[in-house]
Structures are given as C-alpha cells and as structure tokens.
Amino acid sequence: MAYTITDAPERERFEAHAESGEMAGVVTYQLSGNIIVYTHTEVDAEFEGQGVASALARAVMEDAKANGRTVVPMCPFISDWLLKHHEYDSMVARTTRRVK
C-alpha cells in the first residue's frame, strides 16, 4: 500500500495517510533552528505490520536532509531504523550506537 506523508508543522508531526485518506501513523518532532528531534512514532493498529513506520522514517529523514537539518533520534523506532540505514549517519547527532 502507498502512503501519502506530509508535514503538519502546526501539530509538530509528520502524518501518513492511506490511499483511503485514513490516518495511518505519525512521527512527532520538535524543531529548533536546524536541529530536529524526532520524539515518537505511532502507527494505528489497523495499519501495523504494513510498513507505515518505515515509510515515515524514510520520509522524515529525507525531509531533514533536504532542509540541511541535524537529527536527534529520541524515538526508539527512528533510532533503531537509523542503525540499518547508514546513508543518514552524517546527519545524526549521537555519541554512541545503541546495543541490542
């Protein structure tokens, strides 16, 4: 399934909508200058296991890249996702990698 992901800055979150228009999930953030902190990822139960969180993660990282932002991944999902996507390493502010 394809999702439309948009930034809703007035709510400080990115939203994923299914083709039907239903809200499938969100990533919340806090923005300060060129630093963006991703704080939480949430997927509606109806859409779990369908790649919504990964689609959101890629979209928020591409948005940060396009805007020249440094990313602070406070959200455990985003942080773990980034461990598998090293193409974003130069954008991520972290001192150590999480150990699973």
PDB file of N, CA and C in Angstrom:
ATOM      1  N   MET A   1       0.843  -1.174   0.000  1.00  0.00           N
ATOM      2  CA  MET A   1       0.000   0.000   0.000  1.00  0.00           C
ATOM      3  C   MET A   1       0.891   1.241   0.000  1.00  0.00           C
ATOM      4  N   ALA A   2       0.470   2.229  -0.718  1.00  0.00           N
ATOM      5  CA  ALA A   2       1.193   3.507  -0.765  1.00  0.00           C
ATOM      6  C   ALA A   2       0.599   4.458   0.274  1.00  0.00           C
ATOM      7  N   TYR A   3       1.472   5.254   0.851  1.00  0.00           N
ATOM      8  CA  TYR A   3       1.049   6.229   1.849  1.00  0.00           C
ATOM      9  C   TYR A   3       1.469   7.617   1.406  1.00  0.00           C
ATOM     10  N   THR A   4       0.640   8.589   1.704  1.00  0.00           N
ATOM     11  CA  THR A   4       0.987   9.982   1.483  1.00  0.00           C
ATOM     12  C   THR A   4       1.464  10.530   2.813  1.00  0.00           C
ATOM     13  N   ILE A   5       2.704  11.038   2.828  1.00  0.00           N
ATOM     14  CA  ILE A   5       3.281  11.552   4.059  1.00  0.00           C
ATOM     15  C   ILE A   5       3.495  13.041   3.913  1.00  0.00           C
ATOM     16  N   THR A   6       2.945  13.783   4.864  1.00  0.00           N
ATOM     17  CA  THR A   6       3.041  15.239   4.827  1.00  0.00           C
ATOM     18  C   THR A   6       3.464  15.771   6.196  1.00  0.00           C
ATOM     19  N   ASP A   7       4.109  16.920   6.165  1.00  0.00           N
ATOM     20  CA  ASP A   7       4.484  17.607   7.388  1.00  0.00           C
ATOM     21  C   ASP A   7       3.301  18.459   7.834  1.00  0.00           C
ATOM     22  N   ALA A   8       2.972  18.383   9.108  1.00  0.00           N
ATOM     23  CA  ALA A   8       1.929  19.226   9.701  1.00  0.00           C
ATOM     24  C   ALA A   8       2.613  20.049  10.798  1.00  0.00           C
ATOM     25  N   PRO A   9       3.342  21.095  10.399  1.00  0.00           N
ATOM     26  CA  PRO A   9       4.152  21.836  11.372  1.00  0.00           C
ATOM     27  C   PRO A   9       3.345  22.463  12.508  1.00  0.00           C
ATOM     28  N   GLU A  10       2.100  22.798  12.266  1.00  0.00           N
ATOM     29  CA  GLU A  10       1.272  23.361  13.327  1.00  0.00           C
ATOM     30  C   GLU A  10       1.003  22.349  14.439  1.00  0.00           C
ATOM     31  N   ARG A  11       1.156  21.058  14.123  1.00  0.00           N
ATOM     32  CA  ARG A  11       0.986  19.985  15.109  1.00  0.00           C
ATOM     33  C   ARG A  11       2.320  19.352  15.478  1.00  0.00           C
ATOM     34  N   GLU A  12       3.403  19.842  14.874  1.00  0.00           N
ATOM     35  CA  GLU A  12       4.756  19.308  15.073  1.00  0.00           C
ATOM     36  C   GLU A  12       4.791  17.797  14.836  1.00  0.00           C
ATOM     37  N   ARG A  13       4.319  17.406  13.661  1.00  0.00           N
ATOM     38  CA  ARG A  13       4.358  15.989  13.321  1.00  0.00           C
ATOM     39  C   ARG A  13       4.249  15.795  11.812  1.00  0.00           C
ATOM     40  N   PHE A  14       4.761  14.656  11.377  1.00  0.00           N
ATOM     41  CA  PHE A  14       4.551  14.179  10.020  1.00  0.00           C
ATOM     42  C   PHE A  14       3.418  13.163  10.103  1.00  0.00           C
ATOM     43  N   GLU A  15       2.535  13.194   9.110  1.00  0.00           N
ATOM     44  CA  GLU A  15       1.383  12.305   9.098  1.00  0.00           C
ATOM     45  C   GLU A  15       1.420  11.413   7.857  1.00  0.00           C
ATOM     46  N   ALA A  16       1.112  10.151   8.066  1.00  0.00           N
ATOM     47  CA  ALA A  16       0.980   9.200   6.960  1.00  0.00           C
ATOM     48  C   ALA A  16      -0.500   8.891   6.778  1.00  0.00           C
ATOM     49  N   HIS A  17      -0.977   9.079   5.553  1.00  0.00           N
ATOM     50  CA  HIS A  17      -2.368   8.769   5.230  1.00  0.00           C
ATOM     51  C   HIS A  17      -2.405   7.647   4.194  1.00  0.00           C
ATOM     52  N   ALA A  18      -3.318   6.716   4.396  1.00  0.00           N
ATOM     53  CA  ALA A  18      -3.528   5.641   3.440  1.00  0.00           C
ATOM     54  C   ALA A  18      -4.245   6.205   2.214  1.00  0.00           C
ATOM     55  N   GLU A  19      -4.311   5.398   1.165  1.00  0.00           N
ATOM     56  CA  GLU A  19      -4.985   5.823  -0.061  1.00  0.00           C
ATOM     57  C   GLU A  19      -6.440   6.204   0.200  1.00  0.00           C
ATOM     58  N   SER A  20      -7.043   5.584   1.219  1.00  0.00           N
ATOM     59  CA  SER A  20      -8.434   5.866   1.580  1.00  0.00           C
ATOM     60  C   SER A  20      -8.592   7.220   2.279  1.00  0.00           C
ATOM     61  N   GLY A  21      -7.449   7.817   2.657  1.00  0.00           N
ATOM     62  CA  GLY A  21      -7.478   9.080   3.383  1.00  0.00           C
ATOM     63  C   GLY A  21      -7.358   8.922   4.884  1.00  0.00           C
ATOM     64  N   GLU A  22      -7.454   7.673   5.356  1.00  0.00           N
ATOM     65  CA  GLU A  22      -7.341   7.421   6.791  1.00  0.00           C
ATOM     66  C   GLU A  22      -5.930   7.723   7.289  1.00  0.00           C
ATOM     67  N   MET A  23      -5.849   8.245   8.516  1.00  0.00           N
ATOM     68  CA  MET A  23      -4.562   8.469   9.155  1.00  0.00           C
ATOM     69  C   MET A  23      -3.983   7.109   9.540  1.00  0.00           C
ATOM     70  N   ALA A  24      -2.801   6.809   9.026  1.00  0.00           N
ATOM     71  CA  ALA A  24      -2.174   5.520   9.297  1.00  0.00           C
ATOM     72  C   ALA A  24      -1.130   5.611  10.403  1.00  0.00           C
ATOM     73  N   GLY A  25      -0.472   6.763  10.521  1.00  0.00           N
ATOM     74  CA  GLY A  25       0.550   6.903  11.546  1.00  0.00           C
ATOM     75  C   GLY A  25       1.141   8.293  11.559  1.00  0.00           C
ATOM     76  N   VAL A  26       1.962   8.559  12.597  1.00  0.00           N
ATOM     77  CA  VAL A  26       2.597   9.864  12.747  1.00  0.00           C
ATOM     78  C   VAL A  26       3.995   9.710  13.329  1.00  0.00           C
ATOM     79  N   VAL A  27       4.837  10.702  13.040  1.00  0.00           N
ATOM     80  CA  VAL A  27       6.102  10.906  13.738  1.00  0.00           C
ATOM     81  C   VAL A  27       6.041  12.319  14.300  1.00  0.00           C
ATOM     82  N   THR A  28       6.191  12.448  15.614  1.00  0.00           N
ATOM     83  CA  THR A  28       6.188  13.765  16.237  1.00  0.00           C
ATOM     84  C   THR A  28       7.613  14.278  16.335  1.00  0.00           C
ATOM     85  N   TYR A  29       7.735  15.594  16.368  1.00  0.00           N
ATOM     86  CA  TYR A  29       9.066  16.198  16.422  1.00  0.00           C
ATOM     87  C   TYR A  29       9.051  17.526  17.140  1.00  0.00           C
ATOM     88  N   GLN A  30      10.264  17.969  17.467  1.00  0.00           N
ATOM     89  CA  GLN A  30      10.486  19.317  17.975  1.00  0.00           C
ATOM     90  C   GLN A  30      11.590  19.911  17.117  1.00  0.00           C
ATOM     91  N   LEU A  31      11.375  21.115  16.647  1.00  0.00           N
ATOM     92  CA  LEU A  31      12.317  21.782  15.754  1.00  0.00           C
ATOM     93  C   LEU A  31      12.861  23.028  16.429  1.00  0.00           C
ATOM     94  N   SER A  32      14.183  23.152  16.414  1.00  0.00           N
ATOM     95  CA  SER A  32      14.845  24.337  16.958  1.00  0.00           C
ATOM     96  C   SER A  32      15.981  24.699  16.004  1.00  0.00           C
ATOM     97  N   GLY A  33      15.763  25.752  15.223  1.00  0.00           N
ATOM     98  CA  GLY A  33      16.762  26.130  14.227  1.00  0.00           C
ATOM     99  C   GLY A  33      16.941  25.011  13.219  1.00  0.00           C
ATOM    100  N   ASN A  34      18.167  24.545  13.063  1.00  0.00           N
ATOM    101  CA  ASN A  34      18.462  23.454  12.127  1.00  0.00           C
ATOM    102  C   ASN A  34      18.530  22.096  12.803  1.00  0.00           C
ATOM    103  N   ILE A  35      18.069  22.003  14.042  1.00  0.00           N
ATOM    104  CA  ILE A  35      18.068  20.733  14.768  1.00  0.00           C
ATOM    105  C   ILE A  35      16.636  20.253  14.895  1.00  0.00           C
ATOM    106  N   ILE A  36      16.416  19.001  14.488  1.00  0.00           N
ATOM    107  CA  ILE A  36      15.083  18.411  14.620  1.00  0.00           C
ATOM    108  C   ILE A  36      15.214  17.156  15.478  1.00  0.00           C
ATOM    109  N   VAL A  37      14.365  17.071  16.484  1.00  0.00           N
ATOM    110  CA  VAL A  37      14.341  15.934  17.396  1.00  0.00           C
ATOM    111  C   VAL A  37      13.077  15.129  17.089  1.00  0.00           C
ATOM    112  N   TYR A  38      13.264  13.887  16.653  1.00  0.00           N
ATOM    113  CA  TYR A  38      12.114  13.012  16.416  1.00  0.00           C
ATOM    114  C   TYR A  38      11.805  12.316  17.738  1.00  0.00           C
ATOM    115  N   THR A  39      10.611  12.577  18.265  1.00  0.00           N
ATOM    116  CA  THR A  39      10.290  12.160  19.621  1.00  0.00           C
ATOM    117  C   THR A  39       9.438  10.892  19.726  1.00  0.00           C
ATOM    118  N   HIS A  40       8.615  10.622  18.726  1.00  0.00           N
ATOM    119  CA  HIS A  40       7.705   9.478  18.857  1.00  0.00           C
ATOM    120  C   HIS A  40       7.178   9.058  17.486  1.00  0.00           C
ATOM    121  N   THR A  41       7.079   7.759  17.283  1.00  0.00           N
ATOM    122  CA  THR A  41       6.437   7.201  16.089  1.00  0.00           C
ATOM    123  C   THR A  41       5.263   6.364  16.557  1.00  0.00           C
ATOM    124  N   GLU A  42       4.126   6.585  15.924  1.00  0.00           N
ATOM    125  CA  GLU A  42       2.929   5.822  16.287  1.00  0.00           C
ATOM    126  C   GLU A  42       2.187   5.418  15.022  1.00  0.00           C
ATOM    127  N   VAL A  43       1.796   4.136  14.966  1.00  0.00           N
ATOM    128  CA  VAL A  43       1.039   3.605  13.828  1.00  0.00           C
ATOM    129  C   VAL A  43      -0.289   3.093  14.356  1.00  0.00           C
ATOM    130  N   ASP A  44      -1.372   3.455  13.673  1.00  0.00           N
ATOM    131  CA  ASP A  44      -2.701   2.972  14.036  1.00  0.00           C
ATOM    132  C   ASP A  44      -2.711   1.445  13.939  1.00  0.00           C
ATOM    133  N   ALA A  45      -3.378   0.796  14.884  1.00  0.00           N
ATOM    134  CA  ALA A  45      -3.409  -0.671  14.944  1.00  0.00           C
ATOM    135  C   ALA A  45      -3.833  -1.307  13.626  1.00  0.00           C
ATOM    136  N   GLU A  46      -4.748  -0.675  12.921  1.00  0.00           N
ATOM    137  CA  GLU A  46      -5.240  -1.206  11.643  1.00  0.00           C
ATOM    138  C   GLU A  46      -4.128  -1.298  10.587  1.00  0.00           C
ATOM    139  N   PHE A  47      -3.077  -0.488  10.742  1.00  0.00           N
ATOM    140  CA  PHE A  47      -2.019  -0.422   9.740  1.00  0.00           C
ATOM    141  C   PHE A  47      -0.696  -1.039  10.196  1.00  0.00           C
ATOM    142  N   GLU A  48      -0.672  -1.602  11.391  1.00  0.00           N
ATOM    143  CA  GLU A  48       0.559  -2.204  11.897  1.00  0.00           C
ATOM    144  C   GLU A  48       1.028  -3.334  10.977  1.00  0.00           C
ATOM    145  N   GLY A  49       2.342  -3.441  10.836  1.00  0.00           N
ATOM    146  CA  GLY A  49       2.925  -4.502  10.025  1.00  0.00           C
ATOM    147  C   GLY A  49       2.841  -4.270   8.527  1.00  0.00           C
ATOM    148  N   GLN A  50       2.475  -3.058   8.115  1.00  0.00           N
ATOM    149  CA  GLN A  50       2.324  -2.754   6.692  1.00  0.00           C
ATOM    150  C   GLN A  50       3.355  -1.756   6.182  1.00  0.00           C
ATOM    151  N   GLY A  51       4.405  -1.522   6.979  1.00  0.00           N
ATOM    152  CA  GLY A  51       5.487  -0.651   6.531  1.00  0.00           C
ATOM    153  C   GLY A  51       5.271   0.831   6.739  1.00  0.00           C
ATOM    154  N   VAL A  52       4.256   1.199   7.504  1.00  0.00           N
ATOM    155  CA  VAL A  52       3.958   2.615   7.718  1.00  0.00           C
ATOM    156  C   VAL A  52       5.097   3.301   8.461  1.00  0.00           C
ATOM    157  N   ALA A  53       5.566   2.697   9.548  1.00  0.00           N
ATOM    158  CA  ALA A  53       6.618   3.320  10.354  1.00  0.00           C
ATOM    159  C   ALA A  53       7.897   3.493   9.544  1.00  0.00           C
ATOM    160  N   SER A  54       8.256   2.499   8.752  1.00  0.00           N
ATOM    161  CA  SER A  54       9.453   2.616   7.917  1.00  0.00           C
ATOM    162  C   SER A  54       9.289   3.691   6.851  1.00  0.00           C
ATOM    163  N   ALA A  55       8.106   3.785   6.271  1.00  0.00           N
ATOM    164  CA  ALA A  55       7.844   4.838   5.274  1.00  0.00           C
ATOM    165  C   ALA A  55       7.942   6.218   5.927  1.00  0.00           C
ATOM    166  N   LEU A  56       7.416   6.342   7.133  1.00  0.00           N
ATOM    167  CA  LEU A  56       7.524   7.594   7.870  1.00  0.00           C
ATOM    168  C   LEU A  56       8.984   7.923   8.172  1.00  0.00           C
ATOM    169  N   ALA A  57       9.733   6.928   8.635  1.00  0.00           N
ATOM    170  CA  ALA A  57      11.144   7.146   8.975  1.00  0.00           C
ATOM    171  C   ALA A  57      11.915   7.660   7.766  1.00  0.00           C
ATOM    172  N   ARG A  58      11.739   7.016   6.630  1.00  0.00           N
ATOM    173  CA  ARG A  58      12.453   7.451   5.421  1.00  0.00           C
ATOM    174  C   ARG A  58      12.011   8.870   5.022  1.00  0.00           C
ATOM    175  N   ALA A  59      10.729   9.139   5.098  1.00  0.00           N
ATOM    176  CA  ALA A  59      10.220  10.459   4.703  1.00  0.00           C
ATOM    177  C   ALA A  59      10.758  11.564   5.609  1.00  0.00           C
ATOM    178  N   VAL A  60      10.778  11.317   6.924  1.00  0.00           N
ATOM    179  CA  VAL A  60      11.261  12.374   7.823  1.00  0.00           C
ATOM    180  C   VAL A  60      12.754  12.595   7.661  1.00  0.00           C
ATOM    181  N   MET A  61      13.494  11.530   7.375  1.00  0.00           N
ATOM    182  CA  MET A  61      14.933  11.692   7.171  1.00  0.00           C
ATOM    183  C   MET A  61      15.220  12.396   5.851  1.00  0.00           C
ATOM    184  N   GLU A  62      14.456  12.101   4.827  1.00  0.00           N
ATOM    185  CA  GLU A  62      14.641  12.794   3.548  1.00  0.00           C
ATOM    186  C   GLU A  62      14.282  14.270   3.677  1.00  0.00           C
ATOM    187  N   ASP A  63      13.254  14.563   4.469  1.00  0.00           N
ATOM    188  CA  ASP A  63      12.893  15.957   4.707  1.00  0.00           C
ATOM    189  C   ASP A  63      14.019  16.676   5.451  1.00  0.00           C
ATOM    190  N   ALA A  64      14.578  16.039   6.468  1.00  0.00           N
ATOM    191  CA  ALA A  64      15.683  16.643   7.218  1.00  0.00           C
ATOM    192  C   ALA A  64      16.888  16.867   6.304  1.00  0.00           C
ATOM    193  N   LYS A  65      17.160  15.914   5.451  1.00  0.00           N
ATOM    194  CA  LYS A  65      18.270  16.035   4.503  1.00  0.00           C
ATOM    195  C   LYS A  65      18.042  17.218   3.556  1.00  0.00           C
ATOM    196  N   ALA A  66      16.854  17.315   3.009  1.00  0.00           N
ATOM    197  CA  ALA A  66      16.525  18.393   2.067  1.00  0.00           C
ATOM    198  C   ALA A  66      16.613  19.770   2.718  1.00  0.00           C
ATOM    199  N   ASN A  67      16.403  19.817   4.029  1.00  0.00           N
ATOM    200  CA  ASN A  67      16.418  21.091   4.745  1.00  0.00           C
ATOM    201  C   ASN A  67      17.716  21.337   5.514  1.00  0.00           C
ATOM    202  N   GLY A  68      18.716  20.469   5.312  1.00  0.00           N
ATOM    203  CA  GLY A  68      20.013  20.652   5.955  1.00  0.00           C
ATOM    204  C   GLY A  68      19.969  20.582   7.472  1.00  0.00           C
ATOM    205  N   ARG A  69      19.120  19.706   8.001  1.00  0.00           N
ATOM    206  CA  ARG A  69      18.951  19.623   9.453  1.00  0.00           C
ATOM    207  C   ARG A  69      19.803  18.528  10.078  1.00  0.00           C
ATOM    208  N   THR A  70      20.152  18.733  11.327  1.00  0.00           N
ATOM    209  CA  THR A  70      20.777  17.708  12.155  1.00  0.00           C
ATOM    210  C   THR A  70      19.653  17.002  12.900  1.00  0.00           C
ATOM    211  N   VAL A  71      19.704  15.681  12.929  1.00  0.00           N
ATOM    212  CA  VAL A  71      18.642  14.871  13.514  1.00  0.00           C
ATOM    213  C   VAL A  71      19.082  14.310  14.865  1.00  0.00           C
ATOM    214  N   VAL A  72      18.203  14.468  15.843  1.00  0.00           N
ATOM    215  CA  VAL A  72      18.385  13.836  17.150  1.00  0.00           C
ATOM    216  C   VAL A  72      17.257  12.808  17.287  1.00  0.00           C
ATOM    217  N   PRO A  73      17.589  11.515  17.180  1.00  0.00           N
ATOM    218  CA  PRO A  73      16.558  10.474  17.194  1.00  0.00           C
ATOM    219  C   PRO A  73      16.214   9.999  18.609  1.00  0.00           C
ATOM    220  N   MET A  74      15.333  10.706  19.284  1.00  0.00           N
ATOM    221  CA  MET A  74      14.893  10.299  20.625  1.00  0.00           C
ATOM    222  C   MET A  74      13.903   9.133  20.561  1.00  0.00           C
ATOM    223  N   CYS A  75      13.155   9.051  19.500  1.00  0.00           N
ATOM    224  CA  CYS A  75      12.186   7.972  19.311  1.00  0.00           C
ATOM    225  C   CYS A  75      12.929   6.644  19.135  1.00  0.00           C
ATOM    226  N   PRO A  76      12.624   5.626  19.924  1.00  0.00           N
ATOM    227  CA  PRO A  76      13.321   4.340  19.785  1.00  0.00           C
ATOM    228  C   PRO A  76      13.194   3.724  18.393  1.00  0.00           C
ATOM    229  N   PHE A  77      12.016   3.840  17.761  1.00  0.00           N
ATOM    230  CA  PHE A  77      11.864   3.261  16.426  1.00  0.00           C
ATOM    231  C   PHE A  77      12.786   3.945  15.429  1.00  0.00           C
ATOM    232  N   ILE A  78      12.786   5.271  15.406  1.00  0.00           N
ATOM    233  CA  ILE A  78      13.641   6.009  14.467  1.00  0.00           C
ATOM    234  C   ILE A  78      15.109   5.703  14.746  1.00  0.00           C
ATOM    235  N   SER A  79      15.482   5.681  16.014  1.00  0.00           N
ATOM    236  CA  SER A  79      16.869   5.387  16.381  1.00  0.00           C
ATOM    237  C   SER A  79      17.290   4.008  15.875  1.00  0.00           C
ATOM    238  N   ASP A  80      16.460   2.998  16.094  1.00  0.00           N
ATOM    239  CA  ASP A  80      16.775   1.648  15.620  1.00  0.00           C
ATOM    240  C   ASP A  80      16.772   1.575  14.097  1.00  0.00           C
ATOM    241  N   TRP A  81      15.845   2.257  13.461  1.00  0.00           N
ATOM    242  CA  TRP A  81      15.768   2.268  11.996  1.00  0.00           C
ATOM    243  C   TRP A  81      17.058   2.850  11.416  1.00  0.00           C
ATOM    244  N   LEU A  82      17.564   3.889  12.044  1.00  0.00           N
ATOM    245  CA  LEU A  82      18.798   4.533  11.563  1.00  0.00           C
ATOM    246  C   LEU A  82      20.017   3.626  11.685  1.00  0.00           C
ATOM    247  N   LEU A  83      19.996   2.674  12.615  1.00  0.00           N
ATOM    248  CA  LEU A  83      21.109   1.726  12.737  1.00  0.00           C
ATOM    249  C   LEU A  83      21.252   0.859  11.486  1.00  0.00           C
ATOM    250  N   LYS A  84      20.181   0.748  10.721  1.00  0.00           N
ATOM    251  CA  LYS A  84      20.176  -0.062   9.493  1.00  0.00           C
ATOM    252  C   LYS A  84      20.273   0.782   8.230  1.00  0.00           C
ATOM    253  N   HIS A  85      20.291   2.092   8.379  1.00  0.00           N
ATOM    254  CA  HIS A  85      20.282   2.992   7.218  1.00  0.00           C
ATOM    255  C   HIS A  85      21.412   4.014   7.355  1.00  0.00           C
ATOM    256  N   HIS A  86      22.609   3.541   7.085  1.00  0.00           N
ATOM    257  CA  HIS A  86      23.822   4.337   7.290  1.00  0.00           C
ATOM    258  C   HIS A  86      23.959   5.510   6.327  1.00  0.00           C
ATOM    259  N   GLU A  87      23.118   5.572   5.319  1.00  0.00           N
ATOM    260  CA  GLU A  87      23.182   6.705   4.394  1.00  0.00           C
ATOM    261  C   GLU A  87      22.837   8.020   5.090  1.00  0.00           C
ATOM    262  N   TYR A  88      22.269   7.946   6.289  1.00  0.00           N
ATOM    263  CA  TYR A  88      21.909   9.147   7.037  1.00  0.00           C
ATOM    264  C   TYR A  88      22.865   9.446   8.194  1.00  0.00           C
ATOM    265  N   ASP A  89      23.913   8.641   8.362  1.00  0.00           N
ATOM    266  CA  ASP A  89      24.816   8.785   9.508  1.00  0.00           C
ATOM    267  C   ASP A  89      25.353  10.199   9.688  1.00  0.00           C
ATOM    268  N   SER A  90      25.693  10.857   8.601  1.00  0.00           N
ATOM    269  CA  SER A  90      26.309  12.186   8.719  1.00  0.00           C
ATOM    270  C   SER A  90      25.339  13.250   9.242  1.00  0.00           C
ATOM    271  N   MET A  91      24.057  12.956   9.242  1.00  0.00           N
ATOM    272  CA  MET A  91      23.039  13.910   9.686  1.00  0.00           C
ATOM    273  C   MET A  91      22.631  13.696  11.135  1.00  0.00           C
ATOM    274  N   VAL A  92      23.033  12.574  11.714  1.00  0.00           N
ATOM    275  CA  VAL A  92      22.524  12.159  13.007  1.00  0.00           C
ATOM    276  C   VAL A  92      23.473  12.563  14.125  1.00  0.00           C
ATOM    277  N   ALA A  93      22.920  13.204  15.149  1.00  0.00           N
ATOM    278  CA  ALA A  93      23.699  13.576  16.327  1.00  0.00           C
ATOM    279  C   ALA A  93      23.527  12.469  17.374  1.00  0.00           C
ATOM    280  N   ARG A  94      24.596  11.717  17.564  1.00  0.00           N
ATOM    281  CA  ARG A  94      24.600  10.728  18.636  1.00  0.00           C
ATOM    282  C   ARG A  94      26.045  10.420  18.974  1.00  0.00           C
ATOM    283  N   THR A  95      26.276  10.141  20.220  1.00  0.00           N
ATOM    284  CA  THR A  95      27.647   9.880  20.657  1.00  0.00           C
ATOM    285  C   THR A  95      27.991   8.405  20.609  1.00  0.00           C
ATOM    286  N   THR A  96      27.004   7.543  20.806  1.00  0.00           N
ATOM    287  CA  THR A  96      27.243   6.102  20.768  1.00  0.00           C
ATOM    288  C   THR A  96      26.076   5.438  20.072  1.00  0.00           C
ATOM    289  N   ARG A  97      26.324   4.256  19.586  1.00  0.00           N
ATOM    290  CA  ARG A  97      25.249   3.469  18.972  1.00  0.00           C
ATOM    291  C   ARG A  97      24.576   2.632  20.043  1.00  0.00           C
ATOM    292  N   ARG A  98      23.304   2.450  19.909  1.00  0.00           N
ATOM    293  CA  ARG A  98      22.569   1.603  20.854  1.00  0.00           C
ATOM    294  C   ARG A  98      22.968   0.165  20.649  1.00  0.00           C
ATOM    295  N   VAL A  99      22.990  -0.580  21.729  1.00  0.00           N
ATOM    296  CA  VAL A  99      23.296  -2.002  21.686  1.00  0.00           C
ATOM    297  C   VAL A  99      21.998  -2.753  21.901  1.00  0.00           C
ATOM    298  N   LYS A 100      21.746  -3.715  21.035  1.00  0.00           N
ATOM    299  CA  LYS A 100      20.514  -4.501  21.161  1.00  0.00           C
ATOM    300  C   LYS A 100      20.757  -5.722  22.011  1.00  0.00           C
TER     301      LYS A 100
END
